[in-house]
Amino acid sequence: MAIIVQRPKLKWWEQLYLPALVSGMRVTLGHLVATLTRKTKVTMQYPEEKWDANLPDHYRGAPALVTDEHGRERCVACQLCEFICPPRAITIKPEEIPSDDKWAKVEKRPRAFEIDMIRCIYCGLCEEVCPEQAIYLRKDYAITGTSRAEMVHDKERLYEIGGVRTGLVNKWNDLK
């Protein structure tokens, strides 16, 4: 069943669009005067001033891999982050854990894990879908490189910038 929404009847001066135009110009001129009298600061001087103290809680930075408190990698190479990534920036090549290893029950680990930071759109889907909390978005906004090859972060680089996270990891849980 369709719902009909009645539009309000405009007065004759509202149909001229003049009040909306005047109020918009008032806002623009207010910003101009505040900028010229230096009451508000518009531009951040980047190398000297940084966002570090002013980052919002919901800020999504660059993804990185983390290890547990014992230095073991959390990633089980389930490839969920690779499948969910909209721009296909993540590439994972899994390998089997040798049967003589204590953690052979896990079955897989990443042989290669790469994130192309040029393609990454920092959406956070990889962090949300990870069952082992192995990938996190860190509060970093200055990601630079002098070539495209430098912007493809491999597994070692991702672990280096990711650091250590503590807490239960299902992969290393003996009861699982």
Protein backbone atom coordinates (compact mmCIF):
# COMPACT_ATOMS: atom_id res chain seq x y z
CA MET A 1 0.00 0.00 0.00
CA ALA A 2 1.42 3.36 -1.00
CA ILE A 3 1.77 6.15 1.52
CA ILE A 4 0.98 9.60 0.19
CA VAL A 5 2.93 12.41 1.78
CA GLN A 6 1.35 15.81 1.44
CA ARG A 7 3.79 18.57 0.57
CA PRO A 8 3.40 21.79 2.50
CA LYS A 9 2.01 24.75 0.63
CA LEU A 10 4.68 27.40 0.14
CA LYS A 11 3.95 31.05 0.67
CA TRP A 12 4.51 33.39 -2.29
CA TRP A 13 7.88 34.68 -0.95
CA GLU A 14 9.10 31.10 -0.35
CA GLN A 15 8.37 30.25 -3.98
CA LEU A 16 10.78 33.02 -5.03
CA TYR A 17 13.68 31.15 -3.31
CA LEU A 18 14.89 34.49 -1.99
CA PRO A 19 14.82 33.57 1.74
CA ALA A 20 16.86 30.41 1.12
CA LEU A 21 19.37 32.33 -0.98
CA VAL A 22 19.76 35.04 1.67
CA SER A 23 20.21 32.54 4.53
CA GLY A 24 22.84 30.64 2.52
CA MET A 25 24.75 33.84 1.80
CA ARG A 26 24.55 34.79 5.49
CA VAL A 27 26.26 31.51 6.46
CA THR A 28 28.94 31.94 3.76
CA LEU A 29 29.69 35.52 4.76
CA GLY A 30 29.84 34.49 8.44
CA HIS A 31 32.51 31.90 7.63
CA LEU A 32 34.41 34.43 5.52
CA VAL A 33 34.44 37.04 8.29
CA ALA A 34 35.50 34.46 10.91
CA THR A 35 38.37 33.30 8.68
CA LEU A 36 39.56 36.80 7.86
CA THR A 37 39.53 37.88 11.52
CA ARG A 38 41.32 34.60 12.43
CA LYS A 39 38.66 33.56 14.93
CA THR A 40 38.55 30.07 13.44
CA LYS A 41 41.43 28.04 12.12
CA VAL A 42 40.66 26.28 8.85
CA THR A 43 43.92 24.75 7.66
CA MET A 44 46.15 22.41 9.62
CA GLN A 45 49.89 22.88 9.02
CA TYR A 46 50.59 19.15 8.52
CA PRO A 47 54.24 18.44 9.24
CA GLU A 48 54.21 20.54 12.39
CA GLU A 49 50.63 19.78 13.48
CA LYS A 50 49.29 16.25 13.51
CA TRP A 51 45.93 14.65 14.15
CA ASP A 52 47.24 12.21 16.75
CA ALA A 53 45.58 13.92 19.71
CA ASN A 54 42.39 14.72 17.80
CA LEU A 55 41.59 11.41 16.09
CA PRO A 56 37.97 10.41 16.62
CA ASP A 57 37.18 7.05 18.23
CA HIS A 58 35.55 5.76 15.06
CA TYR A 59 38.60 6.52 12.88
CA ARG A 60 39.57 3.58 10.66
CA GLY A 61 43.25 3.48 9.77
CA ALA A 62 45.39 1.04 7.86
CA PRO A 63 45.05 -2.73 8.42
CA ALA A 64 47.87 -4.72 10.04
CA LEU A 65 48.37 -8.27 11.32
CA VAL A 66 48.99 -8.92 15.01
CA THR A 67 50.58 -11.72 17.00
CA ASP A 68 49.56 -13.07 20.38
CA GLU A 69 51.52 -12.46 23.58
CA HIS A 70 53.75 -15.50 22.85
CA GLY A 71 54.81 -14.21 19.42
CA ARG A 72 52.67 -16.69 17.45
CA GLU A 73 50.68 -15.49 14.46
CA ARG A 74 46.95 -15.37 14.98
CA CYS A 75 45.96 -15.76 11.33
CA VAL A 76 44.58 -19.19 10.34
CA ALA A 77 44.50 -18.34 6.61
CA CYS A 78 40.72 -18.76 6.45
CA GLN A 79 40.73 -16.14 3.67
CA LEU A 80 37.54 -14.46 4.86
CA CYS A 81 39.23 -11.06 4.78
CA GLU A 82 40.38 -11.71 1.22
CA PHE A 83 36.88 -12.67 0.11
CA ILE A 84 35.12 -9.75 1.84
CA CYS A 85 37.57 -7.05 0.66
CA PRO A 86 35.64 -4.86 -1.85
CA PRO A 87 38.67 -3.61 -3.86
CA ARG A 88 40.47 -6.99 -3.62
CA ALA A 89 43.46 -5.43 -1.88
CA ILE A 90 44.22 -8.53 0.25
CA THR A 91 45.97 -11.61 -1.13
CA ILE A 92 46.53 -14.72 0.99
CA LYS A 93 48.38 -17.89 0.01
CA PRO A 94 47.72 -20.54 2.68
CA GLU A 95 49.93 -23.50 3.54
CA GLU A 96 49.43 -26.53 5.72
CA ILE A 97 51.11 -26.79 9.10
CA PRO A 98 53.39 -29.87 9.19
CA SER A 99 51.87 -32.85 10.99
CA ASP A 100 54.79 -33.11 13.43
CA ASP A 101 54.07 -29.59 14.74
CA LYS A 102 52.26 -29.25 18.09
CA TRP A 103 49.62 -27.05 16.44
CA ALA A 104 48.92 -29.26 13.42
CA LYS A 105 45.24 -29.31 14.43
CA VAL A 106 44.95 -25.77 13.10
CA GLU A 107 45.61 -27.13 9.57
CA LYS A 108 46.52 -23.84 7.87
CA ARG A 109 48.64 -20.77 8.24
CA PRO A 110 49.41 -17.99 5.78
CA ARG A 111 52.51 -18.65 3.65
CA ALA A 112 52.06 -15.22 2.05
CA PHE A 113 49.80 -12.40 3.18
CA GLU A 114 49.82 -9.12 1.24
CA ILE A 115 47.75 -5.95 1.44
CA ASP A 116 48.00 -3.42 -1.36
CA MET A 117 47.63 -0.13 0.51
CA ILE A 118 47.02 1.76 -2.73
CA ARG A 119 43.90 -0.31 -3.39
CA CYS A 120 42.73 -0.48 0.25
CA ILE A 121 39.73 1.75 0.96
CA TYR A 122 40.02 1.42 4.78
CA CYS A 123 36.46 0.13 5.12
CA GLY A 124 37.18 -2.13 8.11
CA LEU A 125 35.37 -5.18 6.75
CA CYS A 126 38.52 -7.31 7.09
CA GLU A 127 38.71 -6.54 10.80
CA GLU A 128 35.02 -7.31 11.34
CA VAL A 129 35.05 -10.66 9.55
CA CYS A 130 38.26 -12.08 11.10
CA PRO A 131 37.35 -14.96 13.47
CA GLU A 132 40.72 -14.87 15.27
CA GLN A 133 41.10 -11.08 15.65
CA ALA A 134 44.30 -11.36 13.61
CA ILE A 135 43.83 -8.19 11.57
CA TYR A 136 43.31 -4.76 13.11
CA LEU A 137 42.94 -1.25 11.79
CA ARG A 138 45.56 0.87 13.47
CA LYS A 139 45.30 4.59 14.11
CA ASP A 140 47.75 5.53 11.35
CA TYR A 141 47.02 7.99 8.57
CA ALA A 142 50.48 8.74 7.17
CA ILE A 143 51.13 5.78 4.88
CA THR A 144 53.64 6.75 2.25
CA GLY A 145 56.00 5.15 -0.22
CA THR A 146 58.15 6.17 -3.14
CA SER A 147 56.97 3.36 -5.42
CA ARG A 148 54.00 1.08 -5.90
CA ALA A 149 56.06 -1.89 -4.69
CA GLU A 150 56.64 -0.17 -1.32
CA MET A 151 52.89 0.22 -0.87
CA VAL A 152 52.28 -3.54 -1.02
CA HIS A 153 52.81 -4.67 2.57
CA ASP A 154 53.86 -8.30 2.90
CA LYS A 155 53.36 -10.57 5.91
CA GLU A 156 56.57 -9.53 7.69
CA ARG A 157 55.81 -5.82 7.27
CA LEU A 158 52.21 -6.29 8.45
CA TYR A 159 53.38 -8.11 11.59
CA GLU A 160 56.04 -5.46 12.19
CA ILE A 161 53.56 -2.58 12.14
CA GLY A 162 50.77 -4.56 13.81
CA GLY A 163 52.40 -5.42 17.09
CA VAL A 164 51.04 -7.71 19.80
CA ARG A 165 47.47 -8.20 21.01
CA THR A 166 46.64 -10.09 24.17
CA GLY A 167 43.58 -12.20 24.79
CA LEU A 168 42.13 -15.58 23.90
CA VAL A 169 43.03 -16.87 20.46
CA ASN A 170 40.91 -19.79 19.30
CA LYS A 171 43.72 -21.05 17.10
CA TRP A 172 46.01 -21.76 20.07
CA ASN A 173 43.29 -23.00 22.42
CA ASP A 174 43.98 -26.63 23.44
CA LEU A 175 40.29 -27.28 24.04
CA LYS A 176 39.31 -26.49 20.46
